[in-house]
Amino acid sequence: MPIYEYECLKCGGKFEVRQAMGETGSGLSCPKCHAPNPKRLVSSFFRSGSSEDDVMGASCPTCSSGVCGLPPML
């Protein structure tokens, strides 16, 4: 089951939720301030068998390191 990251639009708190693929996250609330409807964040993922060279060689639109968490530009 994937882990999705969410950010509270009220307090800015970030938290993770294990959800089945296809679930929308409707009905979630922030565990810190209990505000409804947090925003789902886009996260990078780990690919089994990847090496540090693969990650460092990725091109990133906002930094030169390639490890800022954004998916590589194709």
PDB file of N, CA and C in Angstrom:
ATOM      1  N   MET A   1       0.851  -1.174   0.000  1.00  0.00           N
ATOM      2  CA  MET A   1       0.000   0.000   0.000  1.00  0.00           C
ATOM      3  C   MET A   1       0.900   1.241   0.000  1.00  0.00           C
ATOM      4  N   PRO A   2       0.673   2.189  -0.898  1.00  0.00           N
ATOM      5  CA  PRO A   2       1.524   3.381  -0.972  1.00  0.00           C
ATOM      6  C   PRO A   2       1.332   4.318   0.221  1.00  0.00           C
ATOM      7  N   ILE A   3       2.347   5.108   0.470  1.00  0.00           N
ATOM      8  CA  ILE A   3       2.287   6.151   1.492  1.00  0.00           C
ATOM      9  C   ILE A   3       2.211   7.487   0.766  1.00  0.00           C
ATOM     10  N   TYR A   4       1.185   8.261   1.066  1.00  0.00           N
ATOM     11  CA  TYR A   4       1.007   9.569   0.446  1.00  0.00           C
ATOM     12  C   TYR A   4       1.302  10.656   1.461  1.00  0.00           C
ATOM     13  N   GLU A   5       1.911  11.741   0.998  1.00  0.00           N
ATOM     14  CA  GLU A   5       2.186  12.902   1.843  1.00  0.00           C
ATOM     15  C   GLU A   5       1.097  13.942   1.639  1.00  0.00           C
ATOM     16  N   TYR A   6       0.697  14.569   2.728  1.00  0.00           N
ATOM     17  CA  TYR A   6      -0.300  15.632   2.689  1.00  0.00           C
ATOM     18  C   TYR A   6       0.228  16.843   3.440  1.00  0.00           C
ATOM     19  N   GLU A   7      -0.288  18.018   3.046  1.00  0.00           N
ATOM     20  CA  GLU A   7       0.050  19.261   3.734  1.00  0.00           C
ATOM     21  C   GLU A   7      -1.242  19.962   4.116  1.00  0.00           C
ATOM     22  N   CYS A   8      -1.316  20.408   5.357  1.00  0.00           N
ATOM     23  CA  CYS A   8      -2.486  21.128   5.847  1.00  0.00           C
ATOM     24  C   CYS A   8      -2.473  22.547   5.277  1.00  0.00           C
ATOM     25  N   LEU A   9      -3.602  22.961   4.731  1.00  0.00           N
ATOM     26  CA  LEU A   9      -3.698  24.307   4.160  1.00  0.00           C
ATOM     27  C   LEU A   9      -3.870  25.375   5.240  1.00  0.00           C
ATOM     28  N   LYS A  10      -4.206  24.956   6.459  1.00  0.00           N
ATOM     29  CA  LYS A  10      -4.401  25.910   7.554  1.00  0.00           C
ATOM     30  C   LYS A  10      -3.106  26.164   8.337  1.00  0.00           C
ATOM     31  N   CYS A  11      -2.489  25.091   8.834  1.00  0.00           N
ATOM     32  CA  CYS A  11      -1.306  25.268   9.692  1.00  0.00           C
ATOM     33  C   CYS A  11       0.005  24.961   8.982  1.00  0.00           C
ATOM     34  N   GLY A  12      -0.044  24.359   7.781  1.00  0.00           N
ATOM     35  CA  GLY A  12       1.172  24.036   7.042  1.00  0.00           C
ATOM     36  C   GLY A  12       1.831  22.746   7.475  1.00  0.00           C
ATOM     37  N   GLY A  13       1.225  22.037   8.428  1.00  0.00           N
ATOM     38  CA  GLY A  13       1.786  20.775   8.886  1.00  0.00           C
ATOM     39  C   GLY A  13       1.783  19.730   7.786  1.00  0.00           C
ATOM     40  N   LYS A  14       2.793  18.878   7.773  1.00  0.00           N
ATOM     41  CA  LYS A  14       2.884  17.799   6.778  1.00  0.00           C
ATOM     42  C   LYS A  14       2.770  16.471   7.506  1.00  0.00           C
ATOM     43  N   PHE A  15       2.079  15.521   6.866  1.00  0.00           N
ATOM     44  CA  PHE A  15       1.919  14.203   7.454  1.00  0.00           C
ATOM     45  C   PHE A  15       1.758  13.174   6.347  1.00  0.00           C
ATOM     46  N   GLU A  16       1.929  11.909   6.695  1.00  0.00           N
ATOM     47  CA  GLU A  16       1.854  10.808   5.744  1.00  0.00           C
ATOM     48  C   GLU A  16       0.684   9.901   6.091  1.00  0.00           C
ATOM     49  N   VAL A  17       0.077   9.323   5.046  1.00  0.00           N
ATOM     50  CA  VAL A  17      -1.055   8.418   5.220  1.00  0.00           C
ATOM     51  C   VAL A  17      -0.873   7.220   4.290  1.00  0.00           C
ATOM     52  N   ARG A  18      -1.039   6.015   4.818  1.00  0.00           N
ATOM     53  CA  ARG A  18      -1.049   4.814   3.973  1.00  0.00           C
ATOM     54  C   ARG A  18      -2.446   4.672   3.400  1.00  0.00           C
ATOM     55  N   GLN A  19      -2.545   4.647   2.076  1.00  0.00           N
ATOM     56  CA  GLN A  19      -3.828   4.546   1.393  1.00  0.00           C
ATOM     57  C   GLN A  19      -3.705   3.599   0.214  1.00  0.00           C
ATOM     58  N   ALA A  20      -4.814   2.981  -0.119  1.00  0.00           N
ATOM     59  CA  ALA A  20      -4.847   2.170  -1.329  1.00  0.00           C
ATOM     60  C   ALA A  20      -4.757   3.095  -2.535  1.00  0.00           C
ATOM     61  N   MET A  21      -4.156   2.615  -3.611  1.00  0.00           N
ATOM     62  CA  MET A  21      -4.080   3.420  -4.828  1.00  0.00           C
ATOM     63  C   MET A  21      -5.493   3.735  -5.295  1.00  0.00           C
ATOM     64  N   GLY A  22      -5.715   4.962  -5.712  1.00  0.00           N
ATOM     65  CA  GLY A  22      -7.018   5.377  -6.179  1.00  0.00           C
ATOM     66  C   GLY A  22      -7.845   6.082  -5.123  1.00  0.00           C
ATOM     67  N   GLU A  23      -7.493   5.942  -3.849  1.00  0.00           N
ATOM     68  CA  GLU A  23      -8.215   6.672  -2.806  1.00  0.00           C
ATOM     69  C   GLU A  23      -7.884   8.153  -2.927  1.00  0.00           C
ATOM     70  N   THR A  24      -8.863   8.988  -2.711  1.00  0.00           N
ATOM     71  CA  THR A  24      -8.689  10.427  -2.919  1.00  0.00           C
ATOM     72  C   THR A  24      -8.214  11.157  -1.681  1.00  0.00           C
ATOM     73  N   GLY A  25      -8.373  10.588  -0.512  1.00  0.00           N
ATOM     74  CA  GLY A  25      -8.008  11.296   0.704  1.00  0.00           C
ATOM     75  C   GLY A  25      -9.137  12.158   1.233  1.00  0.00           C
ATOM     76  N   SER A  26     -10.316  12.075   0.591  1.00  0.00           N
ATOM     77  CA  SER A  26     -11.450  12.836   1.096  1.00  0.00           C
ATOM     78  C   SER A  26     -11.793  12.306   2.487  1.00  0.00           C
ATOM     79  N   GLY A  27     -12.130  13.198   3.349  1.00  0.00           N
ATOM     80  CA  GLY A  27     -12.427  12.819   4.721  1.00  0.00           C
ATOM     81  C   GLY A  27     -11.229  12.906   5.652  1.00  0.00           C
ATOM     82  N   LEU A  28     -10.031  13.172   5.102  1.00  0.00           N
ATOM     83  CA  LEU A  28      -8.851  13.324   5.949  1.00  0.00           C
ATOM     84  C   LEU A  28      -8.866  14.686   6.624  1.00  0.00           C
ATOM     85  N   SER A  29      -8.237  14.739   7.774  1.00  0.00           N
ATOM     86  CA  SER A  29      -8.040  16.023   8.441  1.00  0.00           C
ATOM     87  C   SER A  29      -6.635  16.045   9.024  1.00  0.00           C
ATOM     88  N   CYS A  30      -6.139  17.227   9.259  1.00  0.00           N
ATOM     89  CA  CYS A  30      -4.789  17.408   9.792  1.00  0.00           C
ATOM     90  C   CYS A  30      -4.710  16.837  11.207  1.00  0.00           C
ATOM     91  N   PRO A  31      -3.713  16.000  11.479  1.00  0.00           N
ATOM     92  CA  PRO A  31      -3.583  15.440  12.827  1.00  0.00           C
ATOM     93  C   PRO A  31      -3.163  16.489  13.868  1.00  0.00           C
ATOM     94  N   LYS A  32      -2.626  17.615  13.401  1.00  0.00           N
ATOM     95  CA  LYS A  32      -2.153  18.655  14.319  1.00  0.00           C
ATOM     96  C   LYS A  32      -3.266  19.635  14.702  1.00  0.00           C
ATOM     97  N   CYS A  33      -3.949  20.212  13.687  1.00  0.00           N
ATOM     98  CA  CYS A  33      -4.966  21.234  13.966  1.00  0.00           C
ATOM     99  C   CYS A  33      -6.375  20.781  13.609  1.00  0.00           C
ATOM    100  N   HIS A  34      -6.499  19.593  13.026  1.00  0.00           N
ATOM    101  CA  HIS A  34      -7.778  18.970  12.669  1.00  0.00           C
ATOM    102  C   HIS A  34      -8.544  19.694  11.556  1.00  0.00           C
ATOM    103  N   ALA A  35      -7.857  20.539  10.800  1.00  0.00           N
ATOM    104  CA  ALA A  35      -8.496  21.202   9.652  1.00  0.00           C
ATOM    105  C   ALA A  35      -8.784  20.157   8.568  1.00  0.00           C
ATOM    106  N   PRO A  36      -9.929  20.281   7.886  1.00  0.00           N
ATOM    107  CA  PRO A  36     -10.279  19.302   6.850  1.00  0.00           C
ATOM    108  C   PRO A  36      -9.574  19.577   5.520  1.00  0.00           C
ATOM    109  N   ASN A  37      -9.621  18.590   4.645  1.00  0.00           N
ATOM    110  CA  ASN A  37      -9.170  18.694   3.250  1.00  0.00           C
ATOM    111  C   ASN A  37      -7.720  19.120   3.056  1.00  0.00           C
ATOM    112  N   PRO A  38      -6.768  18.343   3.575  1.00  0.00           N
ATOM    113  CA  PRO A  38      -5.369  18.665   3.299  1.00  0.00           C
ATOM    114  C   PRO A  38      -5.047  18.451   1.829  1.00  0.00           C
ATOM    115  N   LYS A  39      -3.961  19.049   1.383  1.00  0.00           N
ATOM    116  CA  LYS A  39      -3.531  18.957  -0.015  1.00  0.00           C
ATOM    117  C   LYS A  39      -2.543  17.802  -0.157  1.00  0.00           C
ATOM    118  N   ARG A  40      -2.777  16.936  -1.159  1.00  0.00           N
ATOM    119  CA  ARG A  40      -1.838  15.834  -1.416  1.00  0.00           C
ATOM    120  C   ARG A  40      -0.619  16.405  -2.126  1.00  0.00           C
ATOM    121  N   LEU A  41       0.559  16.034  -1.646  1.00  0.00           N
ATOM    122  CA  LEU A  41       1.807  16.508  -2.233  1.00  0.00           C
ATOM    123  C   LEU A  41       2.330  15.506  -3.250  1.00  0.00           C
ATOM    124  N   VAL A  42       3.077  15.993  -4.203  1.00  0.00           N
ATOM    125  CA  VAL A  42       3.742  15.133  -5.174  1.00  0.00           C
ATOM    126  C   VAL A  42       5.088  14.747  -4.585  1.00  0.00           C
ATOM    127  N   SER A  43       5.315  13.475  -4.485  1.00  0.00           N
ATOM    128  CA  SER A  43       6.537  12.976  -3.868  1.00  0.00           C
ATOM    129  C   SER A  43       7.357  12.184  -4.857  1.00  0.00           C
ATOM    130  N   SER A  44       8.641  12.111  -4.591  1.00  0.00           N
ATOM    131  CA  SER A  44       9.485  11.228  -5.387  1.00  0.00           C
ATOM    132  C   SER A  44       9.361   9.829  -4.796  1.00  0.00           C
ATOM    133  N   PHE A  45       9.841   8.841  -5.495  1.00  0.00           N
ATOM    134  CA  PHE A  45       9.776   7.486  -4.983  1.00  0.00           C
ATOM    135  C   PHE A  45      11.123   6.818  -5.141  1.00  0.00           C
ATOM    136  N   PHE A  46      11.309   5.762  -4.387  1.00  0.00           N
ATOM    137  CA  PHE A  46      12.551   5.012  -4.414  1.00  0.00           C
ATOM    138  C   PHE A  46      12.390   3.842  -5.365  1.00  0.00           C
ATOM    139  N   ARG A  47      13.351   3.675  -6.231  1.00  0.00           N
ATOM    140  CA  ARG A  47      13.341   2.551  -7.172  1.00  0.00           C
ATOM    141  C   ARG A  47      14.348   1.530  -6.677  1.00  0.00           C
ATOM    142  N   SER A  48      13.886   0.331  -6.405  1.00  0.00           N
ATOM    143  CA  SER A  48      14.752  -0.731  -5.926  1.00  0.00           C
ATOM    144  C   SER A  48      15.872  -0.979  -6.930  1.00  0.00           C
ATOM    145  N   GLY A  49      17.082  -1.086  -6.427  1.00  0.00           N
ATOM    146  CA  GLY A  49      18.219  -1.341  -7.292  1.00  0.00           C
ATOM    147  C   GLY A  49      18.855  -0.071  -7.834  1.00  0.00           C
ATOM    148  N   SER A  50      18.293   1.107  -7.490  1.00  0.00           N
ATOM    149  CA  SER A  50      18.899   2.344  -7.980  1.00  0.00           C
ATOM    150  C   SER A  50      20.168   2.625  -7.188  1.00  0.00           C
ATOM    151  N   SER A  51      21.081   3.288  -7.828  1.00  0.00           N
ATOM    152  CA  SER A  51      22.328   3.618  -7.164  1.00  0.00           C
ATOM    153  C   SER A  51      22.385   5.106  -6.906  1.00  0.00           C
ATOM    154  N   GLU A  52      23.325   5.498  -6.080  1.00  0.00           N
ATOM    155  CA  GLU A  52      23.509   6.931  -5.784  1.00  0.00           C
ATOM    156  C   GLU A  52      23.849   7.693  -7.057  1.00  0.00           C
ATOM    157  N   ASP A  53      24.571   7.058  -7.979  1.00  0.00           N
ATOM    158  CA  ASP A  53      24.916   7.715  -9.240  1.00  0.00           C
ATOM    159  C   ASP A  53      23.673   8.018 -10.065  1.00  0.00           C
ATOM    160  N   ASP A  54      22.675   7.100 -10.036  1.00  0.00           N
ATOM    161  CA  ASP A  54      21.426   7.332 -10.760  1.00  0.00           C
ATOM    162  C   ASP A  54      20.728   8.582 -10.224  1.00  0.00           C
ATOM    163  N   VAL A  55      20.680   8.710  -8.897  1.00  0.00           N
ATOM    164  CA  VAL A  55      20.002   9.850  -8.278  1.00  0.00           C
ATOM    165  C   VAL A  55      20.773  11.132  -8.551  1.00  0.00           C
ATOM    166  N   MET A  56      22.082  11.103  -8.387  1.00  0.00           N
ATOM    167  CA  MET A  56      22.884  12.311  -8.560  1.00  0.00           C
ATOM    168  C   MET A  56      22.918  12.754 -10.012  1.00  0.00           C
ATOM    169  N   GLY A  57      22.690  11.828 -10.939  1.00  0.00           N
ATOM    170  CA  GLY A  57      22.718  12.178 -12.343  1.00  0.00           C
ATOM    171  C   GLY A  57      21.391  12.696 -12.871  1.00  0.00           C
ATOM    172  N   ALA A  58      20.364  12.677 -12.044  1.00  0.00           N
ATOM    173  CA  ALA A  58      19.046  13.138 -12.485  1.00  0.00           C
ATOM    174  C   ALA A  58      19.069  14.639 -12.697  1.00  0.00           C
ATOM    175  N   SER A  59      18.344  15.083 -13.702  1.00  0.00           N
ATOM    176  CA  SER A  59      18.280  16.522 -13.917  1.00  0.00           C
ATOM    177  C   SER A  59      17.096  17.072 -13.143  1.00  0.00           C
ATOM    178  N   CYS A  60      17.300  18.170 -12.489  1.00  0.00           N
ATOM    179  CA  CYS A  60      16.273  18.765 -11.644  1.00  0.00           C
ATOM    180  C   CYS A  60      15.995  20.172 -12.129  1.00  0.00           C
ATOM    181  N   PRO A  61      14.709  20.564 -12.250  1.00  0.00           N
ATOM    182  CA  PRO A  61      14.391  21.893 -12.763  1.00  0.00           C
ATOM    183  C   PRO A  61      14.710  23.021 -11.792  1.00  0.00           C
ATOM    184  N   THR A  62      14.921  22.698 -10.510  1.00  0.00           N
ATOM    185  CA  THR A  62      15.146  23.778  -9.540  1.00  0.00           C
ATOM    186  C   THR A  62      16.508  23.752  -8.868  1.00  0.00           C
ATOM    187  N   CYS A  63      17.246  22.666  -9.016  1.00  0.00           N
ATOM    188  CA  CYS A  63      18.577  22.627  -8.388  1.00  0.00           C
ATOM    189  C   CYS A  63      19.515  21.761  -9.229  1.00  0.00           C
ATOM    190  N   SER A  64      20.774  21.870  -8.973  1.00  0.00           N
ATOM    191  CA  SER A  64      21.731  21.090  -9.749  1.00  0.00           C
ATOM    192  C   SER A  64      22.035  19.740  -9.123  1.00  0.00           C
ATOM    193  N   SER A  65      21.620  19.523  -7.864  1.00  0.00           N
ATOM    194  CA  SER A  65      21.964  18.273  -7.199  1.00  0.00           C
ATOM    195  C   SER A  65      21.098  17.101  -7.639  1.00  0.00           C
ATOM    196  N   GLY A  66      19.863  17.386  -8.073  1.00  0.00           N
ATOM    197  CA  GLY A  66      18.981  16.315  -8.489  1.00  0.00           C
ATOM    198  C   GLY A  66      18.349  15.565  -7.342  1.00  0.00           C
ATOM    199  N   VAL A  67      18.525  16.031  -6.124  1.00  0.00           N
ATOM    200  CA  VAL A  67      17.967  15.317  -4.965  1.00  0.00           C
ATOM    201  C   VAL A  67      17.028  16.197  -4.154  1.00  0.00           C
ATOM    202  N   CYS A  68      16.395  17.154  -4.785  1.00  0.00           N
ATOM    203  CA  CYS A  68      15.503  18.063  -4.061  1.00  0.00           C
ATOM    204  C   CYS A  68      14.120  17.475  -3.849  1.00  0.00           C
ATOM    205  N   GLY A  69      13.846  16.292  -4.396  1.00  0.00           N
ATOM    206  CA  GLY A  69      12.552  15.666  -4.219  1.00  0.00           C
ATOM    207  C   GLY A  69      11.632  15.794  -5.402  1.00  0.00           C
ATOM    208  N   LEU A  70      11.986  16.619  -6.372  1.00  0.00           N
ATOM    209  CA  LEU A  70      11.152  16.740  -7.566  1.00  0.00           C
ATOM    210  C   LEU A  70      11.503  15.631  -8.541  1.00  0.00           C
ATOM    211  N   PRO A  71      10.512  15.149  -9.296  1.00  0.00           N
ATOM    212  CA  PRO A  71      10.839  14.112 -10.278  1.00  0.00           C
ATOM    213  C   PRO A  71      11.733  14.669 -11.368  1.00  0.00           C
ATOM    214  N   PRO A  72      12.596  13.843 -11.954  1.00  0.00           N
ATOM    215  CA  PRO A  72      13.489  14.318 -13.007  1.00  0.00           C
ATOM    216  C   PRO A  72      12.714  14.795 -14.227  1.00  0.00           C
ATOM    217  N   MET A  73      13.247  15.783 -14.891  1.00  0.00           N
ATOM    218  CA  MET A  73      12.659  16.278 -16.134  1.00  0.00           C
ATOM    219  C   MET A  73      13.043  15.326 -17.251  1.00  0.00           C
ATOM    220  N   LEU A  74      12.097  14.911 -18.054  1.00  0.00           N
ATOM    221  CA  LEU A  74      12.395  13.987 -19.156  1.00  0.00           C
ATOM    222  C   LEU A  74      12.375  14.731 -20.467  1.00  0.00           C
TER     223      LEU A  74
END
